[in-house]
Amino acid sequence: MRLKAADIRVFLGKSGSGKSTLARFQARRFRRQMIFNPNLEPDWEKGAIVCADPAYLVQLCRRDGPLRVCWQGMGLAEGNEEAFEFANRCALAAGDMVLIWDEVDRFSTAARMPTHAKRIVNAGRHAGLRVFACSRRPYMMNRELTALATRMAIFRTTEPRDLKYFAEYVGAAAEGIPDLAAYHALDWSEHGSAVKKSPFL
C-alpha cells in the first residue's frame, strides 16, 4: 500500500497537556498501529498486544489484517536506540501502519535521527507508513521530522525558545500559544491553523 501523500503528525506539549491522548484519538481510525511506549504508560497498552520479544514482534508484523501492537522491548524504556530501530525496521518490512513514536526525543536529537527512522520520515509513504511523533519540547525533536511534518498539534507553552521555534513554522499563530486553555491545541497544517479542544480529528 502506498500513500498518495506523506502523513507525518507531530504532537507537542508538556507532560499532562493531552498530546498523547490526542495522538491515541487520531490513531484509532487506522486499522494497523505500532506504538512505541518507552514510558510504559498503561493507556497505550489498552486494546493492544503488548510485546517485549523481538521474535514475537516480527511475527506480529507479518500478520495480515488489523493490528495494534505496543512495543516496549529490548530496553526501549531505557532509551535504547537499537530497540527503536529494530521496531522501525520491522515496520518498514511490513508496511501499511501508523507508527506512534511517544517521547521520540529520547531516540533522536535535533541534529541526528537513526537510519531507519529517518528513512520512514523521508519515504515511509511509499510503504504505507504514517508517523505520529510526540515530544515535550520542539527544539529537542529532530529537525527533519518537524521540517517534513504535515500537521502539528501544539499545546500551551510559555518557554521563549519554544515560542521562537514555533513562530518559524506557524507564523503569527504562535502568538496565541502562551494563552491556550488547558487541553486546547493549535492545530497547524500547510493549509492553515485553528485552536481546537482536544481530542479532535
C-alpha atoms as a PDB file:
ATOM      1  CA  MET A   1       0.000   0.000   0.000  1.00  0.00           C
ATOM      2  CA  ARG A   2       1.329   3.407  -0.958  1.00  0.00           C
ATOM      3  CA  LEU A   3       0.013   6.685   0.435  1.00  0.00           C
ATOM      4  CA  LYS A   4      -0.786   9.466  -2.010  1.00  0.00           C
ATOM      5  CA  ALA A   5       0.926  11.948   0.300  1.00  0.00           C
ATOM      6  CA  ALA A   6       3.017  11.831   3.460  1.00  0.00           C
ATOM      7  CA  ASP A   7       1.184  11.817   6.795  1.00  0.00           C
ATOM      8  CA  ILE A   8       3.590  12.976   9.488  1.00  0.00           C
ATOM      9  CA  ARG A   9       1.939  14.394  12.586  1.00  0.00           C
ATOM     10  CA  VAL A  10       3.774  15.998  15.478  1.00  0.00           C
ATOM     11  CA  PHE A  11       2.217  16.373  18.937  1.00  0.00           C
ATOM     12  CA  LEU A  12       3.993  18.831  21.217  1.00  0.00           C
ATOM     13  CA  GLY A  13       3.297  19.729  24.821  1.00  0.00           C
ATOM     14  CA  LYS A  14       4.276  19.375  28.436  1.00  0.00           C
ATOM     15  CA  SER A  15       3.552  16.191  30.376  1.00  0.00           C
ATOM     16  CA  GLY A  16      -0.163  16.072  31.107  1.00  0.00           C
ATOM     17  CA  SER A  17      -1.056  18.568  28.382  1.00  0.00           C
ATOM     18  CA  GLY A  18      -3.018  15.994  26.371  1.00  0.00           C
ATOM     19  CA  LYS A  19      -0.654  15.303  23.486  1.00  0.00           C
ATOM     20  CA  SER A  20      -0.654  11.513  23.957  1.00  0.00           C
ATOM     21  CA  THR A  21      -4.439  11.444  24.374  1.00  0.00           C
ATOM     22  CA  LEU A  22      -4.805  13.339  21.109  1.00  0.00           C
ATOM     23  CA  ALA A  23      -2.355  11.041  19.306  1.00  0.00           C
ATOM     24  CA  ARG A  24      -4.297   7.992  20.520  1.00  0.00           C
ATOM     25  CA  PHE A  25      -7.593   9.517  19.433  1.00  0.00           C
ATOM     26  CA  GLN A  26      -6.375  10.347  15.945  1.00  0.00           C
ATOM     27  CA  ALA A  27      -4.681   6.965  15.516  1.00  0.00           C
ATOM     28  CA  ARG A  28      -7.757   4.915  16.371  1.00  0.00           C
ATOM     29  CA  ARG A  29      -9.201   5.280  12.863  1.00  0.00           C
ATOM     30  CA  PHE A  30      -6.243   3.373  11.399  1.00  0.00           C
ATOM     31  CA  ARG A  31      -6.532  -0.409  11.407  1.00  0.00           C
ATOM     32  CA  ARG A  32      -2.814  -1.117  11.900  1.00  0.00           C
ATOM     33  CA  GLN A  33      -0.777   0.601  14.614  1.00  0.00           C
ATOM     34  CA  MET A  34       2.637   0.131  16.159  1.00  0.00           C
ATOM     35  CA  ILE A  35       3.041   2.072  19.381  1.00  0.00           C
ATOM     36  CA  PHE A  36       6.468   2.829  20.837  1.00  0.00           C
ATOM     37  CA  ASN A  37       5.871   3.029  24.590  1.00  0.00           C
ATOM     38  CA  PRO A  38       9.143   3.919  26.385  1.00  0.00           C
ATOM     39  CA  ASN A  39       7.350   5.249  29.476  1.00  0.00           C
ATOM     40  CA  LEU A  40       5.359   2.005  29.804  1.00  0.00           C
ATOM     41  CA  GLU A  41       2.155   4.027  30.020  1.00  0.00           C
ATOM     42  CA  PRO A  42      -0.902   1.830  30.666  1.00  0.00           C
ATOM     43  CA  ASP A  43      -3.101   3.992  28.420  1.00  0.00           C
ATOM     44  CA  TRP A  44      -1.032   2.969  25.388  1.00  0.00           C
ATOM     45  CA  GLU A  45      -1.438  -0.701  26.298  1.00  0.00           C
ATOM     46  CA  LYS A  46      -5.254  -0.662  26.340  1.00  0.00           C
ATOM     47  CA  GLY A  47      -6.612  -2.767  23.499  1.00  0.00           C
ATOM     48  CA  ALA A  48      -3.110  -3.535  22.231  1.00  0.00           C
ATOM     49  CA  ILE A  49      -0.890  -6.597  22.128  1.00  0.00           C
ATOM     50  CA  VAL A  50       1.938  -5.670  24.488  1.00  0.00           C
ATOM     51  CA  CYS A  51       5.162  -7.010  23.039  1.00  0.00           C
ATOM     52  CA  ALA A  52       8.658  -7.086  24.506  1.00  0.00           C
ATOM     53  CA  ASP A  53      10.036 -10.013  22.491  1.00  0.00           C
ATOM     54  CA  PRO A  54      11.750  -9.201  19.143  1.00  0.00           C
ATOM     55  CA  ALA A  55      10.821 -12.522  17.525  1.00  0.00           C
ATOM     56  CA  TYR A  56       7.181 -12.059  18.501  1.00  0.00           C
ATOM     57  CA  LEU A  57       7.189  -8.532  17.059  1.00  0.00           C
ATOM     58  CA  VAL A  58       8.430  -9.880  13.727  1.00  0.00           C
ATOM     59  CA  GLN A  59       5.659 -12.491  13.789  1.00  0.00           C
ATOM     60  CA  LEU A  60       3.007  -9.877  14.580  1.00  0.00           C
ATOM     61  CA  CYS A  61       4.156  -7.558  11.807  1.00  0.00           C
ATOM     62  CA  ARG A  62       3.849 -10.381   9.273  1.00  0.00           C
ATOM     63  CA  ARG A  63       0.154 -10.774  10.029  1.00  0.00           C
ATOM     64  CA  ASP A  64      -2.399  -9.511   7.563  1.00  0.00           C
ATOM     65  CA  GLY A  65      -5.356  -7.515   8.752  1.00  0.00           C
ATOM     66  CA  PRO A  66      -5.883  -5.271  11.768  1.00  0.00           C
ATOM     67  CA  LEU A  67      -3.064  -4.953  14.289  1.00  0.00           C
ATOM     68  CA  ARG A  68      -2.466  -2.830  17.370  1.00  0.00           C
ATOM     69  CA  VAL A  69       0.841  -3.663  18.966  1.00  0.00           C
ATOM     70  CA  CYS A  70       2.529  -1.815  21.815  1.00  0.00           C
ATOM     71  CA  TRP A  71       6.310  -2.281  21.569  1.00  0.00           C
ATOM     72  CA  GLN A  72       8.374  -1.937  24.727  1.00  0.00           C
ATOM     73  CA  GLY A  73      11.154  -4.490  24.375  1.00  0.00           C
ATOM     74  CA  MET A  74      14.961  -4.528  24.102  1.00  0.00           C
ATOM     75  CA  GLY A  75      15.441  -1.732  26.625  1.00  0.00           C
ATOM     76  CA  LEU A  76      13.124   0.765  24.933  1.00  0.00           C
ATOM     77  CA  ALA A  77      12.269   2.208  28.353  1.00  0.00           C
ATOM     78  CA  GLU A  78      15.958   2.968  28.884  1.00  0.00           C
ATOM     79  CA  GLY A  79      16.125   4.880  25.598  1.00  0.00           C
ATOM     80  CA  ASN A  80      17.902   2.088  23.721  1.00  0.00           C
ATOM     81  CA  GLU A  81      18.274   3.253  20.133  1.00  0.00           C
ATOM     82  CA  GLU A  82      18.652  -0.356  18.957  1.00  0.00           C
ATOM     83  CA  ALA A  83      15.177  -1.132  20.310  1.00  0.00           C
ATOM     84  CA  PHE A  84      13.757   1.874  18.481  1.00  0.00           C
ATOM     85  CA  GLU A  85      15.466   0.954  15.220  1.00  0.00           C
ATOM     86  CA  PHE A  86      14.553  -2.736  15.400  1.00  0.00           C
ATOM     87  CA  ALA A  87      10.841  -1.946  15.518  1.00  0.00           C
ATOM     88  CA  ASN A  88      11.158   0.665  12.768  1.00  0.00           C
ATOM     89  CA  ARG A  89      12.888  -1.905  10.565  1.00  0.00           C
ATOM     90  CA  CYS A  90      10.015  -4.335  11.214  1.00  0.00           C
ATOM     91  CA  ALA A  91       7.525  -1.629  10.237  1.00  0.00           C
ATOM     92  CA  LEU A  92       9.372  -0.886   7.007  1.00  0.00           C
ATOM     93  CA  ALA A  93       9.257  -4.563   6.085  1.00  0.00           C
ATOM     94  CA  ALA A  94       5.564  -4.888   6.971  1.00  0.00           C
ATOM     95  CA  GLY A  95       4.244  -1.565   5.650  1.00  0.00           C
ATOM     96  CA  ASP A  96       0.688  -0.261   5.957  1.00  0.00           C
ATOM     97  CA  MET A  97       0.564   1.061   9.506  1.00  0.00           C
ATOM     98  CA  VAL A  98       0.757   4.144  11.654  1.00  0.00           C
ATOM     99  CA  LEU A  99       3.829   4.379  13.870  1.00  0.00           C
ATOM    100  CA  ILE A 100       3.328   6.232  17.124  1.00  0.00           C
ATOM    101  CA  TRP A 101       6.677   7.393  18.471  1.00  0.00           C
ATOM    102  CA  ASP A 102       5.951   8.503  22.026  1.00  0.00           C
ATOM    103  CA  GLU A 103       8.751  10.602  23.575  1.00  0.00           C
ATOM    104  CA  VAL A 104      10.630  10.479  20.263  1.00  0.00           C
ATOM    105  CA  ASP A 105      13.287  12.886  21.569  1.00  0.00           C
ATOM    106  CA  ARG A 106      14.633  10.008  23.669  1.00  0.00           C
ATOM    107  CA  PHE A 107      15.782   8.286  20.463  1.00  0.00           C
ATOM    108  CA  SER A 108      16.913  11.208  18.328  1.00  0.00           C
ATOM    109  CA  THR A 109      18.355  14.677  18.684  1.00  0.00           C
ATOM    110  CA  ALA A 110      17.772  17.927  16.837  1.00  0.00           C
ATOM    111  CA  ALA A 111      20.692  17.115  14.541  1.00  0.00           C
ATOM    112  CA  ARG A 112      20.553  13.318  14.348  1.00  0.00           C
ATOM    113  CA  MET A 113      17.940  10.665  13.651  1.00  0.00           C
ATOM    114  CA  PRO A 114      18.573   6.895  13.475  1.00  0.00           C
ATOM    115  CA  THR A 115      18.810   5.442   9.968  1.00  0.00           C
ATOM    116  CA  HIS A 116      15.532   3.506   9.699  1.00  0.00           C
ATOM    117  CA  ALA A 117      13.525   6.244  11.420  1.00  0.00           C
ATOM    118  CA  LYS A 118      14.961   8.798   9.004  1.00  0.00           C
ATOM    119  CA  ARG A 119      14.049   6.584   6.065  1.00  0.00           C
ATOM    120  CA  ILE A 120      10.477   6.339   7.349  1.00  0.00           C
ATOM    121  CA  VAL A 121      10.187  10.114   7.734  1.00  0.00           C
ATOM    122  CA  ASN A 122      11.582  10.741   4.262  1.00  0.00           C
ATOM    123  CA  ALA A 123       9.963   7.927   2.288  1.00  0.00           C
ATOM    124  CA  GLY A 124       7.651   5.949   4.564  1.00  0.00           C
ATOM    125  CA  ARG A 125       4.602   6.856   2.498  1.00  0.00           C
ATOM    126  CA  HIS A 126       5.878   4.535  -0.240  1.00  0.00           C
ATOM    127  CA  ALA A 127       5.412   1.656   2.224  1.00  0.00           C
ATOM    128  CA  GLY A 128       2.101   2.983   3.537  1.00  0.00           C
ATOM    129  CA  LEU A 129       3.644   4.221   6.791  1.00  0.00           C
ATOM    130  CA  ARG A 130       2.325   7.187   8.731  1.00  0.00           C
ATOM    131  CA  VAL A 131       4.219   8.759  11.646  1.00  0.00           C
ATOM    132  CA  PHE A 132       2.718  10.260  14.795  1.00  0.00           C
ATOM    133  CA  ALA A 133       5.569  11.693  16.900  1.00  0.00           C
ATOM    134  CA  CYS A 134       5.119  13.008  20.440  1.00  0.00           C
ATOM    135  CA  SER A 135       7.588  15.177  22.337  1.00  0.00           C
ATOM    136  CA  ARG A 136       7.601  17.618  25.223  1.00  0.00           C
ATOM    137  CA  ARG A 137       9.976  20.114  23.630  1.00  0.00           C
ATOM    138  CA  PRO A 138      10.138  21.040  19.942  1.00  0.00           C
ATOM    139  CA  TYR A 139      13.796  22.011  19.908  1.00  0.00           C
ATOM    140  CA  MET A 140      14.723  18.515  21.136  1.00  0.00           C
ATOM    141  CA  MET A 141      12.913  16.881  18.216  1.00  0.00           C
ATOM    142  CA  ASN A 142      14.826  16.079  15.066  1.00  0.00           C
ATOM    143  CA  ARG A 143      14.734  18.959  12.579  1.00  0.00           C
ATOM    144  CA  GLU A 144      13.979  16.686   9.644  1.00  0.00           C
ATOM    145  CA  LEU A 145      10.900  15.389  11.417  1.00  0.00           C
ATOM    146  CA  THR A 146       9.498  18.837  12.121  1.00  0.00           C
ATOM    147  CA  ALA A 147      10.514  20.168   8.685  1.00  0.00           C
ATOM    148  CA  LEU A 148       8.575  17.386   6.937  1.00  0.00           C
ATOM    149  CA  ALA A 149       5.615  17.394   9.341  1.00  0.00           C
ATOM    150  CA  THR A 150       2.301  17.695   7.534  1.00  0.00           C
ATOM    151  CA  ARG A 151       0.424  18.564  10.720  1.00  0.00           C
ATOM    152  CA  MET A 152       1.305  19.804  14.220  1.00  0.00           C
ATOM    153  CA  ALA A 153      -0.747  19.920  17.398  1.00  0.00           C
ATOM    154  CA  ILE A 154       0.866  22.456  19.733  1.00  0.00           C
ATOM    155  CA  PHE A 155      -0.289  22.694  23.330  1.00  0.00           C
ATOM    156  CA  ARG A 156       0.290  25.667  25.656  1.00  0.00           C
ATOM    157  CA  THR A 157       3.825  26.732  26.449  1.00  0.00           C
ATOM    158  CA  THR A 158       5.459  29.924  27.701  1.00  0.00           C
ATOM    159  CA  GLU A 159       9.055  28.833  27.095  1.00  0.00           C
ATOM    160  CA  PRO A 160      10.683  31.575  24.965  1.00  0.00           C
ATOM    161  CA  ARG A 161      12.883  29.184  22.994  1.00  0.00           C
ATOM    162  CA  ASP A 162       9.864  27.012  22.109  1.00  0.00           C
ATOM    163  CA  LEU A 163       7.793  30.025  21.097  1.00  0.00           C
ATOM    164  CA  LYS A 164      10.556  31.311  18.846  1.00  0.00           C
ATOM    165  CA  TYR A 165      10.801  27.880  17.253  1.00  0.00           C
ATOM    166  CA  PHE A 166       7.041  27.700  16.668  1.00  0.00           C
ATOM    167  CA  ALA A 167       6.960  31.186  15.154  1.00  0.00           C
ATOM    168  CA  GLU A 168       9.275  29.977  12.391  1.00  0.00           C
ATOM    169  CA  TYR A 169       6.759  27.245  11.483  1.00  0.00           C
ATOM    170  CA  VAL A 170       3.320  28.655  12.161  1.00  0.00           C
ATOM    171  CA  GLY A 171       3.954  32.388  11.857  1.00  0.00           C
ATOM    172  CA  ALA A 172       1.652  34.805  13.663  1.00  0.00           C
ATOM    173  CA  ALA A 173      -0.483  31.970  15.057  1.00  0.00           C
ATOM    174  CA  ALA A 174       2.344  31.250  17.511  1.00  0.00           C
ATOM    175  CA  GLU A 175       1.477  34.443  19.396  1.00  0.00           C
ATOM    176  CA  GLY A 176      -1.585  32.726  20.898  1.00  0.00           C
ATOM    177  CA  ILE A 177       0.228  29.611  22.151  1.00  0.00           C
ATOM    178  CA  PRO A 178       1.016  31.005  25.663  1.00  0.00           C
ATOM    179  CA  ASP A 179      -2.694  31.761  26.183  1.00  0.00           C
ATOM    180  CA  LEU A 180      -4.129  28.403  25.113  1.00  0.00           C
ATOM    181  CA  ALA A 181      -6.608  26.945  27.591  1.00  0.00           C
ATOM    182  CA  ALA A 182      -5.997  23.546  29.189  1.00  0.00           C
ATOM    183  CA  TYR A 183      -6.448  20.655  26.729  1.00  0.00           C
ATOM    184  CA  HIS A 184      -6.590  23.023  23.774  1.00  0.00           C
ATOM    185  CA  ALA A 185      -4.060  22.962  20.971  1.00  0.00           C
ATOM    186  CA  LEU A 186      -3.110  24.929  17.924  1.00  0.00           C
ATOM    187  CA  ASP A 187      -3.858  22.559  15.049  1.00  0.00           C
ATOM    188  CA  TRP A 188      -1.480  23.559  12.249  1.00  0.00           C
ATOM    189  CA  SER A 189      -1.114  22.235   8.731  1.00  0.00           C
ATOM    190  CA  GLU A 190       0.168  23.621   5.473  1.00  0.00           C
ATOM    191  CA  HIS A 191      -3.416  24.687   4.721  1.00  0.00           C
ATOM    192  CA  GLY A 192      -3.921  26.823   7.826  1.00  0.00           C
ATOM    193  CA  SER A 193      -4.312  26.688  11.598  1.00  0.00           C
ATOM    194  CA  ALA A 194      -7.020  26.833  14.247  1.00  0.00           C
ATOM    195  CA  VAL A 195      -7.296  26.425  18.004  1.00  0.00           C
ATOM    196  CA  LYS A 196      -9.232  23.284  18.905  1.00  0.00           C
ATOM    197  CA  LYS A 197     -10.197  21.493  22.070  1.00  0.00           C
ATOM    198  CA  SER A 198      -8.559  18.095  22.332  1.00  0.00           C
ATOM    199  CA  PRO A 199      -9.264  15.434  21.281  1.00  0.00           C
ATOM    200  CA  PHE A 200     -10.120  16.248  17.668  1.00  0.00           C
ATOM    201  CA  LEU A 201      -9.695  14.534  14.322  1.00  0.00           C
END
